[in-house]
Amino acid sequence: MTGPIIARCPCAASHITSPKRATVAVLCYCTDCQAAGRALAALPENIGVMQGDGGTPLALFPKKKLQIHDDRGALRAHKLHPKSPTRRLVCSQCNSMLALDFTKVPWLSVPIARCLAPKPMANMRIMTRSRPAGQADLADDMKNFANFPKRLVVPLTLNWVAGGFATPKLPAFPPLKMP
């Protein structure tokens, strides 16, 4: 184990350990998070992570020192498109997302709903230009960004530099079979 358990799926079949805290936490409104949220919500017994307004609360952790524990072989990879470098790691026992892996970057996005206490708190909304139509105005309780802001890129880049520019690859997982 590389540190305390930072997140687990609802049925506890899979979990993530890390000695590091989240680098940053966001509410993401990108079209891919919304599309995946809708697709995964169609699975039986799924405990979703997307909020009613289309936002997905995510905590971003450096991959370098984290470990994914899948002792029961329950994790599956869900891709929106076959050639996408982005995959959602979904527990096949509870049909719930454990993590979002952009395979080309040095961090792993973990739904805040899967994080254990103390849960990271989102401090910015990103990709708000992609919010579904007809939503109420966003609250001013945190910064709202139409795109992927520099304010998010800087701490992630600094963390990558501190990690020796490593972009660790996570294990391969079988594909998730969608209904």
Protein backbone atom coordinates (compact mmCIF):
# COMPACT_ATOMS: atom_id res chain seq x y z
CA MET A 1 0.00 0.00 0.00
CA THR A 2 1.37 3.43 -0.91
CA GLY A 3 -0.58 5.42 1.64
CA PRO A 4 -4.03 5.72 3.12
CA ILE A 5 -7.13 4.85 1.15
CA ILE A 6 -8.27 8.07 -0.51
CA ALA A 7 -11.23 6.72 -2.49
CA ARG A 8 -13.32 3.59 -2.96
CA CYS A 9 -16.24 2.45 -5.05
CA PRO A 10 -19.61 2.15 -3.23
CA CYS A 11 -19.38 -1.66 -2.88
CA ALA A 12 -15.73 -1.46 -1.69
CA ALA A 13 -14.52 -3.94 -4.35
CA SER A 14 -11.90 -1.42 -5.55
CA HIS A 15 -10.05 1.45 -3.95
CA ILE A 16 -7.21 3.91 -4.46
CA THR A 17 -4.36 4.62 -2.06
CA SER A 18 -2.03 7.60 -2.11
CA PRO A 19 0.29 9.38 0.29
CA LYS A 20 -0.53 12.65 -1.51
CA ARG A 21 -3.52 14.92 -1.13
CA ALA A 22 -5.47 16.17 -4.10
CA THR A 23 -3.59 18.86 -6.03
CA VAL A 24 -6.84 20.63 -6.89
CA ALA A 25 -10.58 19.93 -6.90
CA VAL A 26 -13.04 21.19 -9.52
CA LEU A 27 -16.57 20.95 -10.82
CA CYS A 28 -16.23 19.95 -14.49
CA TYR A 29 -18.95 20.73 -17.03
CA CYS A 30 -17.18 19.42 -20.17
CA THR A 31 -19.27 17.58 -22.72
CA ASP A 32 -17.33 14.33 -22.15
CA CYS A 33 -18.04 14.30 -18.40
CA GLN A 34 -21.71 14.93 -19.13
CA ALA A 35 -21.91 12.24 -21.84
CA ALA A 36 -20.16 9.68 -19.63
CA GLY A 37 -22.35 10.64 -16.66
CA ARG A 38 -25.49 9.98 -18.71
CA ALA A 39 -24.13 6.71 -20.15
CA LEU A 40 -23.06 5.33 -16.78
CA ALA A 41 -26.34 6.42 -15.15
CA ALA A 42 -28.09 3.94 -17.47
CA LEU A 43 -26.27 1.02 -15.82
CA PRO A 44 -28.23 -0.97 -13.22
CA GLU A 45 -27.48 -0.02 -9.61
CA ASN A 46 -25.17 2.80 -10.73
CA ILE A 47 -24.45 5.42 -8.09
CA GLY A 48 -23.70 8.40 -10.29
CA VAL A 49 -21.27 11.22 -9.75
CA MET A 50 -22.70 13.87 -12.09
CA GLN A 51 -24.82 16.55 -10.40
CA GLY A 52 -28.24 17.57 -11.66
CA ASP A 53 -26.83 20.68 -13.36
CA GLY A 54 -24.37 18.62 -15.45
CA GLY A 55 -21.28 19.24 -13.29
CA THR A 56 -19.02 16.45 -12.07
CA PRO A 57 -17.06 17.17 -8.86
CA LEU A 58 -13.51 15.82 -9.31
CA ALA A 59 -10.35 15.79 -7.19
CA LEU A 60 -7.08 15.55 -9.14
CA PHE A 61 -4.29 13.43 -7.63
CA PRO A 62 -0.73 12.91 -8.93
CA LYS A 63 -0.44 9.43 -10.47
CA LYS A 64 3.19 9.03 -9.47
CA LYS A 65 2.58 7.63 -5.99
CA LEU A 66 -0.98 6.36 -6.08
CA GLN A 67 -2.08 2.77 -6.48
CA ILE A 68 -5.33 1.32 -7.72
CA HIS A 69 -6.37 -1.79 -5.82
CA ASP A 70 -8.66 -4.15 -7.70
CA ASP A 71 -8.35 -7.37 -5.70
CA ARG A 72 -11.61 -8.80 -7.07
CA GLY A 73 -10.84 -7.94 -10.70
CA ALA A 74 -13.94 -5.76 -10.82
CA LEU A 75 -12.61 -2.65 -12.57
CA ARG A 76 -13.50 -2.06 -16.20
CA ALA A 77 -12.52 0.73 -18.58
CA HIS A 78 -15.25 2.82 -20.20
CA LYS A 79 -14.33 4.97 -23.19
CA LEU A 80 -16.71 7.31 -24.96
CA HIS A 81 -14.87 6.63 -28.24
CA PRO A 82 -12.62 3.62 -29.00
CA LYS A 83 -9.50 5.73 -29.73
CA SER A 84 -10.01 8.15 -26.85
CA PRO A 85 -7.04 8.58 -24.48
CA THR A 86 -9.59 9.11 -21.71
CA ARG A 87 -11.11 6.21 -19.82
CA ARG A 88 -13.37 5.99 -16.82
CA LEU A 89 -12.57 3.19 -14.40
CA VAL A 90 -15.87 1.60 -13.41
CA CYS A 91 -16.47 -1.14 -10.84
CA SER A 92 -18.42 -3.90 -12.59
CA GLN A 93 -19.93 -5.05 -9.28
CA CYS A 94 -21.68 -1.77 -8.40
CA ASN A 95 -21.49 -0.14 -11.88
CA SER A 96 -20.05 3.02 -10.37
CA MET A 97 -17.12 5.13 -11.54
CA LEU A 98 -14.02 5.06 -9.33
CA ALA A 99 -11.74 7.32 -11.38
CA LEU A 100 -11.18 9.16 -14.63
CA ASP A 101 -7.83 8.50 -16.31
CA PHE A 102 -6.54 10.88 -18.97
CA THR A 103 -3.82 8.45 -20.03
CA LYS A 104 -1.56 11.22 -21.42
CA VAL A 105 -1.34 13.30 -18.24
CA PRO A 106 0.34 12.75 -14.85
CA TRP A 107 -2.79 13.07 -12.71
CA LEU A 108 -5.86 10.96 -12.01
CA SER A 109 -9.28 12.54 -11.55
CA VAL A 110 -11.30 10.96 -8.76
CA PRO A 111 -14.98 11.80 -8.25
CA ILE A 112 -15.27 13.65 -4.95
CA ALA A 113 -18.26 11.41 -4.17
CA ARG A 114 -15.81 8.45 -4.04
CA CYS A 115 -13.26 10.23 -1.82
CA LEU A 116 -13.07 9.40 1.85
CA ALA A 117 -12.95 11.98 4.62
CA PRO A 118 -11.61 14.53 4.63
CA LYS A 119 -13.18 15.06 1.21
CA PRO A 120 -11.55 17.63 -1.05
CA MET A 121 -13.68 20.70 -1.70
CA ALA A 122 -14.08 21.98 -5.26
CA ASN A 123 -12.87 25.56 -5.53
CA MET A 124 -13.59 26.30 -9.20
CA ARG A 125 -16.00 25.38 -11.96
CA ILE A 126 -14.42 24.60 -15.32
CA MET A 127 -15.76 24.25 -18.86
CA THR A 128 -18.93 26.12 -17.88
CA ARG A 129 -19.54 27.06 -21.53
CA SER A 130 -20.68 23.43 -21.96
CA ARG A 131 -23.36 23.52 -19.26
CA PRO A 132 -26.73 22.19 -20.41
CA ALA A 133 -29.17 24.83 -21.63
CA GLY A 134 -31.85 26.04 -19.27
CA GLN A 135 -29.76 25.84 -16.09
CA ALA A 136 -29.99 28.50 -13.41
CA ASP A 137 -27.17 31.03 -13.19
CA LEU A 138 -24.08 29.75 -11.43
CA ALA A 139 -23.57 30.82 -7.84
CA ASP A 140 -20.66 33.13 -7.02
CA ASP A 141 -19.38 30.81 -4.26
CA MET A 142 -16.33 29.90 -6.37
CA LYS A 143 -14.64 30.98 -9.59
CA ASN A 144 -16.37 30.00 -12.83
CA PHE A 145 -14.31 29.42 -15.97
CA ALA A 146 -15.69 28.92 -19.47
CA ASN A 147 -12.64 26.83 -20.44
CA PHE A 148 -9.71 25.01 -18.84
CA PRO A 149 -8.08 27.89 -16.87
CA LYS A 150 -4.41 28.67 -16.26
CA ARG A 151 -5.30 28.72 -12.57
CA LEU A 152 -5.83 24.95 -12.87
CA VAL A 153 -2.92 24.23 -15.22
CA VAL A 154 -0.27 25.90 -13.04
CA PRO A 155 -0.59 23.68 -9.91
CA LEU A 156 -0.88 20.56 -12.07
CA THR A 157 2.24 21.53 -14.04
CA LEU A 158 4.19 22.33 -10.85
CA ASN A 159 3.21 18.93 -9.46
CA TRP A 160 4.37 17.27 -12.70
CA VAL A 161 7.72 19.10 -12.51
CA ALA A 162 8.13 18.08 -8.84
CA GLY A 163 7.47 14.49 -9.91
CA GLY A 164 10.37 14.56 -12.37
CA PHE A 165 8.16 15.01 -15.45
CA ALA A 166 6.89 11.45 -15.06
CA THR A 167 3.58 10.45 -16.61
CA PRO A 168 2.93 7.05 -15.02
CA LYS A 169 0.77 4.57 -16.87
CA LEU A 170 -1.95 2.87 -14.88
CA PRO A 171 -2.75 -0.81 -15.42
CA ALA A 172 -4.90 -1.97 -18.32
CA PHE A 173 -8.45 -2.98 -17.48
CA PRO A 174 -10.93 -4.94 -19.61
CA PRO A 175 -13.59 -2.85 -21.38
CA LEU A 176 -16.89 -2.19 -19.68
CA LYS A 177 -19.80 -3.87 -21.46
CA MET A 178 -22.57 -1.32 -21.89
CA PRO A 179 -26.23 -2.37 -22.24
